[in-house]
Amino acid sequence: MRIMQLLIPIVAILASHGLVFGILYIHFTTRNRERMALIEKGADASLFYGNKKSQPNYLLKFALLAIGIGLGSFLGYVLNIYAGMEAGPAYTSMIFIFGGIGLLLSYLIESKKQSKDSE
């Protein structure tokens, strides 16, 4: 009986890793086939890389989202302890609100940067 209890998490972990590997394998092989087909038809290689100036800054987006989640967690704690609000709604609402504010700030910063670069 103990062996079965040990095998269940191991099988679940291996199955999830197999699923992730399968999805990544299909993604990269399909992308490679698409690129090879475009190259055979004479498409320009710069099509794959795009313009560096127009690409969004994912590090900025992730950083502001993480800051928003941290502030939301802290404010959820404050609402839970000092305002007497239940823990679930306090944390969930504040995390979503401040995470959304962080993503909105990253969008505004990126759009301001793009408008500045286009001038």
PDB file of N, CA and C in Angstrom:
ATOM      1  N   MET A   1       0.815  -1.194   0.000  1.00  0.00           N
ATOM      2  CA  MET A   1       0.000   0.000   0.000  1.00  0.00           C
ATOM      3  C   MET A   1       0.863   1.264   0.000  1.00  0.00           C
ATOM      4  N   ARG A   2       1.990   1.261   0.687  1.00  0.00           N
ATOM      5  CA  ARG A   2       2.862   2.432   0.732  1.00  0.00           C
ATOM      6  C   ARG A   2       3.500   2.701  -0.624  1.00  0.00           C
ATOM      7  N   ILE A   3       3.740   1.646  -1.381  1.00  0.00           N
ATOM      8  CA  ILE A   3       4.347   1.827  -2.703  1.00  0.00           C
ATOM      9  C   ILE A   3       3.358   2.553  -3.621  1.00  0.00           C
ATOM     10  N   MET A   4       2.090   2.223  -3.546  1.00  0.00           N
ATOM     11  CA  MET A   4       1.084   2.891  -4.371  1.00  0.00           C
ATOM     12  C   MET A   4       0.963   4.375  -3.993  1.00  0.00           C
ATOM     13  N   GLN A   5       1.061   4.678  -2.700  1.00  0.00           N
ATOM     14  CA  GLN A   5       1.003   6.066  -2.268  1.00  0.00           C
ATOM     15  C   GLN A   5       2.211   6.845  -2.746  1.00  0.00           C
ATOM     16  N   LEU A   6       3.326   6.180  -2.914  1.00  0.00           N
ATOM     17  CA  LEU A   6       4.532   6.827  -3.406  1.00  0.00           C
ATOM     18  C   LEU A   6       4.511   6.966  -4.920  1.00  0.00           C
ATOM     19  N   LEU A   7       3.915   6.009  -5.620  1.00  0.00           N
ATOM     20  CA  LEU A   7       3.910   6.026  -7.077  1.00  0.00           C
ATOM     21  C   LEU A   7       2.955   7.059  -7.659  1.00  0.00           C
ATOM     22  N   ILE A   8       1.879   7.374  -6.975  1.00  0.00           N
ATOM     23  CA  ILE A   8       0.889   8.309  -7.514  1.00  0.00           C
ATOM     24  C   ILE A   8       1.492   9.691  -7.775  1.00  0.00           C
ATOM     25  N   PRO A   9       2.194  10.332  -6.843  1.00  0.00           N
ATOM     26  CA  PRO A   9       2.785  11.637  -7.165  1.00  0.00           C
ATOM     27  C   PRO A   9       3.875  11.548  -8.230  1.00  0.00           C
ATOM     28  N   ILE A  10       4.638  10.453  -8.216  1.00  0.00           N
ATOM     29  CA  ILE A  10       5.702  10.305  -9.213  1.00  0.00           C
ATOM     30  C   ILE A  10       5.103  10.208 -10.612  1.00  0.00           C
ATOM     31  N   VAL A  11       4.061   9.411 -10.767  1.00  0.00           N
ATOM     32  CA  VAL A  11       3.409   9.271 -12.074  1.00  0.00           C
ATOM     33  C   VAL A  11       2.777  10.593 -12.492  1.00  0.00           C
ATOM     34  N   ALA A  12       2.171  11.309 -11.567  1.00  0.00           N
ATOM     35  CA  ALA A  12       1.550  12.599 -11.897  1.00  0.00           C
ATOM     36  C   ALA A  12       2.598  13.604 -12.357  1.00  0.00           C
ATOM     37  N   ILE A  13       3.734  13.653 -11.695  1.00  0.00           N
ATOM     38  CA  ILE A  13       4.801  14.578 -12.084  1.00  0.00           C
ATOM     39  C   ILE A  13       5.361  14.206 -13.451  1.00  0.00           C
ATOM     40  N   LEU A  14       5.605  12.929 -13.676  1.00  0.00           N
ATOM     41  CA  LEU A  14       6.126  12.492 -14.973  1.00  0.00           C
ATOM     42  C   LEU A  14       5.131  12.757 -16.102  1.00  0.00           C
ATOM     43  N   ALA A  15       3.856  12.558 -15.839  1.00  0.00           N
ATOM     44  CA  ALA A  15       2.842  12.818 -16.859  1.00  0.00           C
ATOM     45  C   ALA A  15       2.775  14.303 -17.195  1.00  0.00           C
ATOM     46  N   SER A  16       2.851  15.162 -16.187  1.00  0.00           N
ATOM     47  CA  SER A  16       2.794  16.600 -16.456  1.00  0.00           C
ATOM     48  C   SER A  16       4.029  17.062 -17.223  1.00  0.00           C
ATOM     49  N   HIS A  17       5.200  16.510 -16.890  1.00  0.00           N
ATOM     50  CA  HIS A  17       6.402  16.870 -17.631  1.00  0.00           C
ATOM     51  C   HIS A  17       6.324  16.372 -19.069  1.00  0.00           C
ATOM     52  N   GLY A  18       5.749  15.208 -19.267  1.00  0.00           N
ATOM     53  CA  GLY A  18       5.572  14.688 -20.622  1.00  0.00           C
ATOM     54  C   GLY A  18       4.644  15.566 -21.433  1.00  0.00           C
ATOM     55  N   LEU A  19       3.595  16.074 -20.806  1.00  0.00           N
ATOM     56  CA  LEU A  19       2.665  16.962 -21.491  1.00  0.00           C
ATOM     57  C   LEU A  19       3.349  18.264 -21.892  1.00  0.00           C
ATOM     58  N   VAL A  20       4.106  18.844 -20.987  1.00  0.00           N
ATOM     59  CA  VAL A  20       4.832  20.084 -21.288  1.00  0.00           C
ATOM     60  C   VAL A  20       5.839  19.843 -22.414  1.00  0.00           C
ATOM     61  N   PHE A  21       6.568  18.745 -22.346  1.00  0.00           N
ATOM     62  CA  PHE A  21       7.525  18.427 -23.394  1.00  0.00           C
ATOM     63  C   PHE A  21       6.823  18.264 -24.737  1.00  0.00           C
ATOM     64  N   GLY A  22       5.682  17.576 -24.747  1.00  0.00           N
ATOM     65  CA  GLY A  22       4.945  17.378 -25.991  1.00  0.00           C
ATOM     66  C   GLY A  22       4.471  18.686 -26.595  1.00  0.00           C
ATOM     67  N   ILE A  23       3.951  19.573 -25.767  1.00  0.00           N
ATOM     68  CA  ILE A  23       3.478  20.868 -26.262  1.00  0.00           C
ATOM     69  C   ILE A  23       4.636  21.682 -26.814  1.00  0.00           C
ATOM     70  N   LEU A  24       5.756  21.723 -26.102  1.00  0.00           N
ATOM     71  CA  LEU A  24       6.912  22.474 -26.589  1.00  0.00           C
ATOM     72  C   LEU A  24       7.478  21.868 -27.868  1.00  0.00           C
ATOM     73  N   TYR A  25       7.502  20.546 -27.962  1.00  0.00           N
ATOM     74  CA  TYR A  25       8.007  19.883 -29.163  1.00  0.00           C
ATOM     75  C   TYR A  25       7.147  20.246 -30.372  1.00  0.00           C
ATOM     76  N   ILE A  26       5.835  20.183 -30.212  1.00  0.00           N
ATOM     77  CA  ILE A  26       4.939  20.532 -31.322  1.00  0.00           C
ATOM     78  C   ILE A  26       5.101  21.997 -31.695  1.00  0.00           C
ATOM     79  N   HIS A  27       5.231  22.874 -30.709  1.00  0.00           N
ATOM     80  CA  HIS A  27       5.392  24.305 -30.989  1.00  0.00           C
ATOM     81  C   HIS A  27       6.650  24.565 -31.815  1.00  0.00           C
ATOM     82  N   PHE A  28       7.784  24.030 -31.367  1.00  0.00           N
ATOM     83  CA  PHE A  28       9.036  24.334 -32.052  1.00  0.00           C
ATOM     84  C   PHE A  28       9.143  23.654 -33.407  1.00  0.00           C
ATOM     85  N   THR A  29       8.637  22.438 -33.544  1.00  0.00           N
ATOM     86  CA  THR A  29       8.702  21.793 -34.866  1.00  0.00           C
ATOM     87  C   THR A  29       7.785  22.486 -35.856  1.00  0.00           C
ATOM     88  N   THR A  30       6.602  22.909 -35.414  1.00  0.00           N
ATOM     89  CA  THR A  30       5.692  23.633 -36.305  1.00  0.00           C
ATOM     90  C   THR A  30       6.283  24.973 -36.705  1.00  0.00           C
ATOM     91  N   ARG A  31       6.886  25.667 -35.764  1.00  0.00           N
ATOM     92  CA  ARG A  31       7.509  26.945 -36.082  1.00  0.00           C
ATOM     93  C   ARG A  31       8.650  26.768 -37.072  1.00  0.00           C
ATOM     94  N   ASN A  32       9.441  25.705 -36.883  1.00  0.00           N
ATOM     95  CA  ASN A  32      10.547  25.443 -37.795  1.00  0.00           C
ATOM     96  C   ASN A  32      10.022  25.135 -39.196  1.00  0.00           C
ATOM     97  N   ARG A  33       8.963  24.334 -39.302  1.00  0.00           N
ATOM     98  CA  ARG A  33       8.395  24.010 -40.618  1.00  0.00           C
ATOM     99  C   ARG A  33       7.852  25.250 -41.312  1.00  0.00           C
ATOM    100  N   GLU A  34       7.184  26.117 -40.556  1.00  0.00           N
ATOM    101  CA  GLU A  34       6.667  27.350 -41.145  1.00  0.00           C
ATOM    102  C   GLU A  34       7.803  28.224 -41.669  1.00  0.00           C
ATOM    103  N   ARG A  35       8.845  28.344 -40.900  1.00  0.00           N
ATOM    104  CA  ARG A  35       9.984  29.163 -41.327  1.00  0.00           C
ATOM    105  C   ARG A  35      10.670  28.575 -42.552  1.00  0.00           C
ATOM    106  N   MET A  36      10.835  27.259 -42.568  1.00  0.00           N
ATOM    107  CA  MET A  36      11.471  26.618 -43.722  1.00  0.00           C
ATOM    108  C   MET A  36      10.623  26.790 -44.978  1.00  0.00           C
ATOM    109  N   ALA A  37       9.297  26.712 -44.841  1.00  0.00           N
ATOM    110  CA  ALA A  37       8.411  26.906 -45.986  1.00  0.00           C
ATOM    111  C   ALA A  37       8.500  28.340 -46.503  1.00  0.00           C
ATOM    112  N   LEU A  38       8.570  29.311 -45.609  1.00  0.00           N
ATOM    113  CA  LEU A  38       8.697  30.707 -46.040  1.00  0.00           C
ATOM    114  C   LEU A  38      10.042  30.956 -46.711  1.00  0.00           C
ATOM    115  N   ILE A  39      11.103  30.352 -46.203  1.00  0.00           N
ATOM    116  CA  ILE A  39      12.426  30.522 -46.808  1.00  0.00           C
ATOM    117  C   ILE A  39      12.455  29.893 -48.194  1.00  0.00           C
ATOM    118  N   GLU A  40      11.823  28.723 -48.354  1.00  0.00           N
ATOM    119  CA  GLU A  40      11.784  28.079 -49.663  1.00  0.00           C
ATOM    120  C   GLU A  40      11.036  28.925 -50.682  1.00  0.00           C
ATOM    121  N   LYS A  41      10.040  29.687 -50.222  1.00  0.00           N
ATOM    122  CA  LYS A  41       9.280  30.545 -51.133  1.00  0.00           C
ATOM    123  C   LYS A  41       9.973  31.878 -51.373  1.00  0.00           C
ATOM    124  N   GLY A  42      11.099  32.108 -50.700  1.00  0.00           N
ATOM    125  CA  GLY A  42      11.877  33.316 -50.942  1.00  0.00           C
ATOM    126  C   GLY A  42      11.534  34.481 -50.042  1.00  0.00           C
ATOM    127  N   ALA A  43      10.932  34.234 -48.887  1.00  0.00           N
ATOM    128  CA  ALA A  43      10.598  35.312 -47.953  1.00  0.00           C
ATOM    129  C   ALA A  43      11.866  35.838 -47.295  1.00  0.00           C
ATOM    130  N   ASP A  44      11.828  37.084 -46.894  1.00  0.00           N
ATOM    131  CA  ASP A  44      12.973  37.724 -46.256  1.00  0.00           C
ATOM    132  C   ASP A  44      13.137  37.196 -44.831  1.00  0.00           C
ATOM    133  N   ALA A  45      14.362  36.961 -44.398  1.00  0.00           N
ATOM    134  CA  ALA A  45      14.635  36.422 -43.063  1.00  0.00           C
ATOM    135  C   ALA A  45      14.307  37.428 -41.962  1.00  0.00           C
ATOM    136  N   SER A  46      14.279  38.723 -42.266  1.00  0.00           N
ATOM    137  CA  SER A  46      13.956  39.717 -41.246  1.00  0.00           C
ATOM    138  C   SER A  46      12.496  39.615 -40.812  1.00  0.00           C
ATOM    139  N   LEU A  47      11.698  38.892 -41.569  1.00  0.00           N
ATOM    140  CA  LEU A  47      10.305  38.677 -41.205  1.00  0.00           C
ATOM    141  C   LEU A  47      10.193  37.969 -39.857  1.00  0.00           C
ATOM    142  N   PHE A  48      11.158  37.118 -39.533  1.00  0.00           N
ATOM    143  CA  PHE A  48      11.107  36.342 -38.300  1.00  0.00           C
ATOM    144  C   PHE A  48      11.497  37.152 -37.072  1.00  0.00           C
ATOM    145  N   TYR A  49      12.256  38.209 -37.241  1.00  0.00           N
ATOM    146  CA  TYR A  49      12.783  38.939 -36.095  1.00  0.00           C
ATOM    147  C   TYR A  49      12.043  40.231 -35.815  1.00  0.00           C
ATOM    148  N   GLY A  50      11.471  40.842 -36.791  1.00  0.00           N
ATOM    149  CA  GLY A  50      10.677  42.047 -36.586  1.00  0.00           C
ATOM    150  C   GLY A  50      11.533  43.244 -36.222  1.00  0.00           C
ATOM    151  N   ASN A  51      10.872  44.314 -35.861  1.00  0.00           N
ATOM    152  CA  ASN A  51      11.523  45.559 -35.490  1.00  0.00           C
ATOM    153  C   ASN A  51      11.751  45.569 -33.982  1.00  0.00           C
ATOM    154  N   LYS A  52      12.987  45.756 -33.561  1.00  0.00           N
ATOM    155  CA  LYS A  52      13.310  45.727 -32.124  1.00  0.00           C
ATOM    156  C   LYS A  52      12.642  46.883 -31.367  1.00  0.00           C
ATOM    157  N   LYS A  53      12.451  48.019 -32.031  1.00  0.00           N
ATOM    158  CA  LYS A  53      11.876  49.163 -31.328  1.00  0.00           C
ATOM    159  C   LYS A  53      10.404  48.952 -30.992  1.00  0.00           C
ATOM    160  N   SER A  54       9.693  48.197 -31.824  1.00  0.00           N
ATOM    161  CA  SER A  54       8.261  48.042 -31.610  1.00  0.00           C
ATOM    162  C   SER A  54       7.918  46.892 -30.670  1.00  0.00           C
ATOM    163  N   GLN A  55       8.905  46.108 -30.254  1.00  0.00           N
ATOM    164  CA  GLN A  55       8.614  44.980 -29.382  1.00  0.00           C
ATOM    165  C   GLN A  55       8.404  45.468 -27.947  1.00  0.00           C
ATOM    166  N   PRO A  56       7.414  44.883 -27.263  1.00  0.00           N
ATOM    167  CA  PRO A  56       7.166  45.310 -25.876  1.00  0.00           C
ATOM    168  C   PRO A  56       8.279  44.851 -24.941  1.00  0.00           C
ATOM    169  N   ASN A  57       8.466  45.595 -23.883  1.00  0.00           N
ATOM    170  CA  ASN A  57       9.471  45.273 -22.888  1.00  0.00           C
ATOM    171  C   ASN A  57       8.828  44.361 -21.840  1.00  0.00           C
ATOM    172  N   TYR A  58       9.058  43.051 -21.972  1.00  0.00           N
ATOM    173  CA  TYR A  58       8.417  42.091 -21.084  1.00  0.00           C
ATOM    174  C   TYR A  58       8.966  42.160 -19.663  1.00  0.00           C
ATOM    175  N   LEU A  59      10.206  42.563 -19.517  1.00  0.00           N
ATOM    176  CA  LEU A  59      10.776  42.677 -18.180  1.00  0.00           C
ATOM    177  C   LEU A  59      10.077  43.785 -17.390  1.00  0.00           C
ATOM    178  N   LEU A  60       9.818  44.905 -18.046  1.00  0.00           N
ATOM    179  CA  LEU A  60       9.091  45.999 -17.398  1.00  0.00           C
ATOM    180  C   LEU A  60       7.684  45.546 -17.017  1.00  0.00           C
ATOM    181  N   LYS A  61       7.021  44.849 -17.935  1.00  0.00           N
ATOM    182  CA  LYS A  61       5.666  44.374 -17.671  1.00  0.00           C
ATOM    183  C   LYS A  61       5.644  43.403 -16.487  1.00  0.00           C
ATOM    184  N   PHE A  62       6.588  42.476 -16.463  1.00  0.00           N
ATOM    185  CA  PHE A  62       6.648  41.502 -15.366  1.00  0.00           C
ATOM    186  C   PHE A  62       6.987  42.185 -14.048  1.00  0.00           C
ATOM    187  N   ALA A  63       7.907  43.155 -14.082  1.00  0.00           N
ATOM    188  CA  ALA A  63       8.308  43.846 -12.855  1.00  0.00           C
ATOM    189  C   ALA A  63       7.139  44.630 -12.264  1.00  0.00           C
ATOM    190  N   LEU A  64       6.421  45.361 -13.107  1.00  0.00           N
ATOM    191  CA  LEU A  64       5.289  46.131 -12.589  1.00  0.00           C
ATOM    192  C   LEU A  64       4.155  45.225 -12.125  1.00  0.00           C
ATOM    193  N   LEU A  65       3.963  44.084 -12.796  1.00  0.00           N
ATOM    194  CA  LEU A  65       2.961  43.128 -12.343  1.00  0.00           C
ATOM    195  C   LEU A  65       3.345  42.556 -10.983  1.00  0.00           C
ATOM    196  N   ALA A  66       4.620  42.219 -10.801  1.00  0.00           N
ATOM    197  CA  ALA A  66       5.073  41.671  -9.520  1.00  0.00           C
ATOM    198  C   ALA A  66       4.946  42.703  -8.399  1.00  0.00           C
ATOM    199  N   ILE A  67       5.274  43.951  -8.706  1.00  0.00           N
ATOM    200  CA  ILE A  67       5.117  45.017  -7.715  1.00  0.00           C
ATOM    201  C   ILE A  67       3.637  45.175  -7.350  1.00  0.00           C
ATOM    202  N   GLY A  68       2.768  45.124  -8.364  1.00  0.00           N
ATOM    203  CA  GLY A  68       1.334  45.237  -8.110  1.00  0.00           C
ATOM    204  C   GLY A  68       0.811  44.090  -7.268  1.00  0.00           C
ATOM    205  N   ILE A  69       1.278  42.882  -7.540  1.00  0.00           N
ATOM    206  CA  ILE A  69       0.845  41.729  -6.744  1.00  0.00           C
ATOM    207  C   ILE A  69       1.352  41.857  -5.308  1.00  0.00           C
ATOM    208  N   GLY A  70       2.572  42.326  -5.141  1.00  0.00           N
ATOM    209  CA  GLY A  70       3.106  42.531  -3.795  1.00  0.00           C
ATOM    210  C   GLY A  70       2.325  43.580  -3.029  1.00  0.00           C
ATOM    211  N   LEU A  71       2.035  44.696  -3.677  1.00  0.00           N
ATOM    212  CA  LEU A  71       1.239  45.734  -3.010  1.00  0.00           C
ATOM    213  C   LEU A  71      -0.177  45.243  -2.713  1.00  0.00           C
ATOM    214  N   GLY A  72      -0.739  44.474  -3.644  1.00  0.00           N
ATOM    215  CA  GLY A  72      -2.074  43.927  -3.426  1.00  0.00           C
ATOM    216  C   GLY A  72      -2.109  42.959  -2.260  1.00  0.00           C
ATOM    217  N   SER A  73      -1.074  42.126  -2.141  1.00  0.00           N
ATOM    218  CA  SER A  73      -0.997  41.201  -1.015  1.00  0.00           C
ATOM    219  C   SER A  73      -0.892  41.962   0.305  1.00  0.00           C
ATOM    220  N   PHE A  74      -0.065  43.001   0.319  1.00  0.00           N
ATOM    221  CA  PHE A  74       0.096  43.791   1.533  1.00  0.00           C
ATOM    222  C   PHE A  74      -1.204  44.499   1.913  1.00  0.00           C
ATOM    223  N   LEU A  75      -1.858  45.106   0.930  1.00  0.00           N
ATOM    224  CA  LEU A  75      -3.102  45.801   1.232  1.00  0.00           C
ATOM    225  C   LEU A  75      -4.208  44.822   1.610  1.00  0.00           C
ATOM    226  N   GLY A  76      -4.197  43.615   1.023  1.00  0.00           N
ATOM    227  CA  GLY A  76      -5.140  42.586   1.445  1.00  0.00           C
ATOM    228  C   GLY A  76      -4.928  42.190   2.889  1.00  0.00           C
ATOM    229  N   TYR A  77      -3.668  42.102   3.294  1.00  0.00           N
ATOM    230  CA  TYR A  77      -3.340  41.818   4.695  1.00  0.00           C
ATOM    231  C   TYR A  77      -3.847  42.930   5.601  1.00  0.00           C
ATOM    232  N   VAL A  78      -3.623  44.176   5.184  1.00  0.00           N
ATOM    233  CA  VAL A  78      -4.078  45.317   5.986  1.00  0.00           C
ATOM    234  C   VAL A  78      -5.600  45.304   6.120  1.00  0.00           C
ATOM    235  N   LEU A  79      -6.299  45.040   5.005  1.00  0.00           N
ATOM    236  CA  LEU A  79      -7.766  44.971   5.073  1.00  0.00           C
ATOM    237  C   LEU A  79      -8.233  43.821   5.951  1.00  0.00           C
ATOM    238  N   ASN A  80      -7.513  42.706   5.886  1.00  0.00           N
ATOM    239  CA  ASN A  80      -7.888  41.544   6.679  1.00  0.00           C
ATOM    240  C   ASN A  80      -7.698  41.819   8.173  1.00  0.00           C
ATOM    241  N   ILE A  81      -6.581  42.389   8.551  1.00  0.00           N
ATOM    242  CA  ILE A  81      -6.258  42.581   9.966  1.00  0.00           C
ATOM    243  C   ILE A  81      -6.976  43.801  10.557  1.00  0.00           C
ATOM    244  N   TYR A  82      -6.866  44.943   9.892  1.00  0.00           N
ATOM    245  CA  TYR A  82      -7.335  46.187  10.501  1.00  0.00           C
ATOM    246  C   TYR A  82      -8.768  46.554  10.149  1.00  0.00           C
ATOM    247  N   ALA A  83      -9.249  46.144   8.991  1.00  0.00           N
ATOM    248  CA  ALA A  83     -10.626  46.485   8.621  1.00  0.00           C
ATOM    249  C   ALA A  83     -11.590  45.346   8.923  1.00  0.00           C
ATOM    250  N   GLY A  84     -11.073  44.192   9.323  1.00  0.00           N
ATOM    251  CA  GLY A  84     -11.913  43.072   9.679  1.00  0.00           C
ATOM    252  C   GLY A  84     -12.541  42.371   8.489  1.00  0.00           C
ATOM    253  N   MET A  85     -12.019  42.594   7.304  1.00  0.00           N
ATOM    254  CA  MET A  85     -12.549  41.947   6.109  1.00  0.00           C
ATOM    255  C   MET A  85     -12.090  40.491   6.074  1.00  0.00           C
ATOM    256  N   GLU A  86     -12.879  39.617   5.462  1.00  0.00           N
ATOM    257  CA  GLU A  86     -12.486  38.216   5.359  1.00  0.00           C
ATOM    258  C   GLU A  86     -11.221  38.097   4.518  1.00  0.00           C
ATOM    259  N   ALA A  87     -10.405  37.093   4.800  1.00  0.00           N
ATOM    260  CA  ALA A  87      -9.103  36.960   4.153  1.00  0.00           C
ATOM    261  C   ALA A  87      -9.223  36.688   2.656  1.00  0.00           C
ATOM    262  N   GLY A  88     -10.105  35.802   2.250  1.00  0.00           N
ATOM    263  CA  GLY A  88     -10.214  35.422   0.839  1.00  0.00           C
ATOM    264  C   GLY A  88     -10.521  36.595  -0.081  1.00  0.00           C
ATOM    265  N   PRO A  89     -11.653  37.290   0.160  1.00  0.00           N
ATOM    266  CA  PRO A  89     -11.976  38.426  -0.707  1.00  0.00           C
ATOM    267  C   PRO A  89     -10.967  39.574  -0.612  1.00  0.00           C
ATOM    268  N   ALA A  90     -10.410  39.781   0.570  1.00  0.00           N
ATOM    269  CA  ALA A  90      -9.459  40.886   0.737  1.00  0.00           C
ATOM    270  C   ALA A  90      -8.221  40.661  -0.119  1.00  0.00           C
ATOM    271  N   TYR A  91      -7.623  39.490   0.009  1.00  0.00           N
ATOM    272  CA  TYR A  91      -6.412  39.206  -0.751  1.00  0.00           C
ATOM    273  C   TYR A  91      -6.696  39.137  -2.251  1.00  0.00           C
ATOM    274  N   THR A  92      -7.741  38.418  -2.629  1.00  0.00           N
ATOM    275  CA  THR A  92      -8.026  38.226  -4.047  1.00  0.00           C
ATOM    276  C   THR A  92      -8.318  39.544  -4.743  1.00  0.00           C
ATOM    277  N   SER A  93      -9.179  40.352  -4.165  1.00  0.00           N
ATOM    278  CA  SER A  93      -9.546  41.606  -4.815  1.00  0.00           C
ATOM    279  C   SER A  93      -8.354  42.549  -4.923  1.00  0.00           C
ATOM    280  N   MET A  94      -7.581  42.667  -3.866  1.00  0.00           N
ATOM    281  CA  MET A  94      -6.447  43.587  -3.897  1.00  0.00           C
ATOM    282  C   MET A  94      -5.363  43.119  -4.862  1.00  0.00           C
ATOM    283  N   ILE A  95      -5.125  41.814  -4.943  1.00  0.00           N
ATOM    284  CA  ILE A  95      -4.119  41.307  -5.873  1.00  0.00           C
ATOM    285  C   ILE A  95      -4.539  41.594  -7.306  1.00  0.00           C
ATOM    286  N   PHE A  96      -5.805  41.348  -7.631  1.00  0.00           N
ATOM    287  CA  PHE A  96      -6.262  41.614  -8.992  1.00  0.00           C
ATOM    288  C   PHE A  96      -6.275  43.102  -9.312  1.00  0.00           C
ATOM    289  N   ILE A  97      -6.697  43.927  -8.362  1.00  0.00           N
ATOM    290  CA  ILE A  97      -6.745  45.372  -8.611  1.00  0.00           C
ATOM    291  C   ILE A  97      -5.334  45.925  -8.832  1.00  0.00           C
ATOM    292  N   PHE A  98      -4.407  45.617  -7.931  1.00  0.00           N
ATOM    293  CA  PHE A  98      -3.071  46.180  -8.059  1.00  0.00           C
ATOM    294  C   PHE A  98      -2.267  45.514  -9.174  1.00  0.00           C
ATOM    295  N   GLY A  99      -2.522  44.237  -9.440  1.00  0.00           N
ATOM    296  CA  GLY A  99      -1.886  43.605 -10.602  1.00  0.00           C
ATOM    297  C   GLY A  99      -2.342  44.270 -11.888  1.00  0.00           C
ATOM    298  N   GLY A 100      -3.636  44.572 -11.984  1.00  0.00           N
ATOM    299  CA  GLY A 100      -4.162  45.281 -13.150  1.00  0.00           C
ATOM    300  C   GLY A 100      -3.603  46.684 -13.271  1.00  0.00           C
ATOM    301  N   ILE A 101      -3.447  47.363 -12.157  1.00  0.00           N
ATOM    302  CA  ILE A 101      -2.848  48.702 -12.189  1.00  0.00           C
ATOM    303  C   ILE A 101      -1.406  48.620 -12.681  1.00  0.00           C
ATOM    304  N   GLY A 102      -0.668  47.596 -12.244  1.00  0.00           N
ATOM    305  CA  GLY A 102       0.710  47.421 -12.718  1.00  0.00           C
ATOM    306  C   GLY A 102       0.767  47.183 -14.214  1.00  0.00           C
ATOM    307  N   LEU A 103      -0.142  46.349 -14.750  1.00  0.00           N
ATOM    308  CA  LEU A 103      -0.173  46.115 -16.192  1.00  0.00           C
ATOM    309  C   LEU A 103      -0.595  47.367 -16.949  1.00  0.00           C
ATOM    310  N   LEU A 104      -1.525  48.138 -16.388  1.00  0.00           N
ATOM    311  CA  LEU A 104      -1.930  49.390 -17.017  1.00  0.00           C
ATOM    312  C   LEU A 104      -0.766  50.375 -17.060  1.00  0.00           C
ATOM    313  N   LEU A 105      -0.008  50.456 -15.974  1.00  0.00           N
ATOM    314  CA  LEU A 105       1.167  51.336 -15.959  1.00  0.00           C
ATOM    315  C   LEU A 105       2.199  50.912 -17.001  1.00  0.00           C
ATOM    316  N   SER A 106       2.417  49.609 -17.143  1.00  0.00           N
ATOM    317  CA  SER A 106       3.385  49.161 -18.153  1.00  0.00           C
ATOM    318  C   SER A 106       2.894  49.509 -19.546  1.00  0.00           C
ATOM    319  N   TYR A 107       1.589  49.408 -19.799  1.00  0.00           N
ATOM    320  CA  TYR A 107       1.036  49.784 -21.098  1.00  0.00           C
ATOM    321  C   TYR A 107       1.233  51.276 -21.355  1.00  0.00           C
ATOM    322  N   LEU A 108       0.949  52.096 -20.350  1.00  0.00           N
ATOM    323  CA  LEU A 108       1.103  53.542 -20.527  1.00  0.00           C
ATOM    324  C   LEU A 108       2.559  53.930 -20.761  1.00  0.00           C
ATOM    325  N   ILE A 109       3.478  53.289 -20.049  1.00  0.00           N
ATOM    326  CA  ILE A 109       4.903  53.576 -20.235  1.00  0.00           C
ATOM    327  C   ILE A 109       5.353  53.156 -21.630  1.00  0.00           C
ATOM    328  N   GLU A 110       4.911  51.973 -22.085  1.00  0.00           N
ATOM    329  CA  GLU A 110       5.288  51.493 -23.418  1.00  0.00           C
ATOM    330  C   GLU A 110       4.713  52.387 -24.512  1.00  0.00           C
ATOM    331  N   SER A 111       3.450  52.811 -24.380  1.00  0.00           N
ATOM    332  CA  SER A 111       2.859  53.659 -25.415  1.00  0.00           C
ATOM    333  C   SER A 111       3.525  55.028 -25.446  1.00  0.00           C
ATOM    334  N   LYS A 112       3.904  55.551 -24.277  1.00  0.00           N
ATOM    335  CA  LYS A 112       4.608  56.826 -24.228  1.00  0.00           C
ATOM    336  C   LYS A 112       5.988  56.698 -24.879  1.00  0.00           C
ATOM    337  N   LYS A 113       6.644  55.573 -24.626  1.00  0.00           N
ATOM    338  CA  LYS A 113       7.959  55.337 -25.213  1.00  0.00           C
ATOM    339  C   LYS A 113       7.861  55.182 -26.724  1.00  0.00           C
ATOM    340  N   GLN A 114       6.830  54.486 -27.217  1.00  0.00           N
ATOM    341  CA  GLN A 114       6.675  54.302 -28.655  1.00  0.00           C
ATOM    342  C   GLN A 114       6.349  55.613 -29.355  1.00  0.00           C
ATOM    343  N   SER A 115       5.513  56.445 -28.732  1.00  0.00           N
ATOM    344  CA  SER A 115       5.193  57.732 -29.333  1.00  0.00           C
ATOM    345  C   SER A 115       6.412  58.653 -29.338  1.00  0.00           C
ATOM    346  N   LYS A 116       7.262  58.538 -28.324  1.00  0.00           N
ATOM    347  CA  LYS A 116       8.484  59.330 -28.257  1.00  0.00           C
ATOM    348  C   LYS A 116       9.480  58.862 -29.321  1.00  0.00           C
ATOM    349  N   ASP A 117       9.565  57.528 -29.561  1.00  0.00           N
ATOM    350  CA  ASP A 117      10.487  57.004 -30.563  1.00  0.00           C
ATOM    351  C   ASP A 117      10.024  57.295 -31.977  1.00  0.00           C
ATOM    352  N   SER A 118       8.719  57.403 -32.212  1.00  0.00           N
ATOM    353  CA  SER A 118       8.227  57.643 -33.555  1.00  0.00           C
ATOM    354  C   SER A 118       8.376  59.095 -33.976  1.00  0.00           C
ATOM    355  N   GLU A 119       8.578  59.990 -33.026  1.00  0.00           N
ATOM    356  CA  GLU A 119       8.734  61.420 -33.349  1.00  0.00           C
ATOM    357  C   GLU A 119      10.090  61.728 -33.904  1.00  0.00           C
TER     358      GLU A 119
END
